Amino acid sequence: MKIRGTLVVGIVGIFLLSTEAVQRTVISLLVWALPSRRERILAWWIQRIADAVLLIVGIVGGAKFGSKVHIPGNPGVLIVMNHQSIMDVPVVVTSIRPLHPRIVSRARYARGKPLISHLIRLYQYPTVDPRATGKVDLEKLKVAARDSPVPIMIFPEGTRTKDGEIGKLRRNGLRRILAARDWDVHVVTIDGYWRCAKYMDFVSSVATVRGTTTVSGPFHFSATEASEETTEEFIDMLESRMKQGLLQIRGDSAS
């Protein structure tokens, strides 16, 4: 199993390094030359990357990803998702059409990560530091959400789970996003990935992955009509839906 996992990590690493060269040249040039088609080009590109990563991990590593869900990739869509592993992003990206999401990302990923750092800048992902997100950063997040021509996606737990359960939500970022505009919110819950939280976890656990994804919503949120109280109630509801989705997945698996 470790040999298989090592092979997956190696192939994915080589793929990401080679893909970055194409992204920095061909894709960046297309986006610059065809600004009116920017989001369509970027959507096509990231969907191809996600499809390829899942294909490698599935064929070489033996992981199973379950049935694909369908999430509308339109402006004004907010995707709220629990966070189990590094596979979360490709799993959900392959489910979104026609546009790609802007994913709220850790600031430290914007530098020094093959493919990922350039992707964050090219796709204009909002970045935050979960340990020290100040008022200025939160206001930038709100502006990015307000002006985004594509869906916004956030992992409100702020970090990957250690045991598969849904952790306490870090609400400040989600509050700012909700306040930015009216939203149709989709709650995505995944399970079966948490033992592969990091790249090196694949070495020992990739063949055991049996992933499942559920989605509920849309739940409409009106920023113009919401108060602090109703915003908190809405976030409570999203958290409850996420936990219900996890219970549903585990109940279906047990039956």
Foldseek 3Di string as FASTA:
>chain_A
DLVLLVVLLVVLVVVLQVVLVCCVPVLVVCCVVCVVCNQQSLLVSLLVNLVVSCVSLCPSVVAAADDQAADEKFQQAEEEEAAAAPNVQSRVSNRYPDGGAQEEEAPVQLPDDRNRNVSCVSVVHQHAHVVDGDPVSLLVLLVCLLPDRTYYYYHQCRAHDQPFAGDDGPCSNVLSNLLNAKHFYKYKYKGQCNCHRDSSSSSPPSSRGHMDMDIDTRDIGGNVPDDPVVSVVVVVVSVVVRNVVVVVVVVVVVD
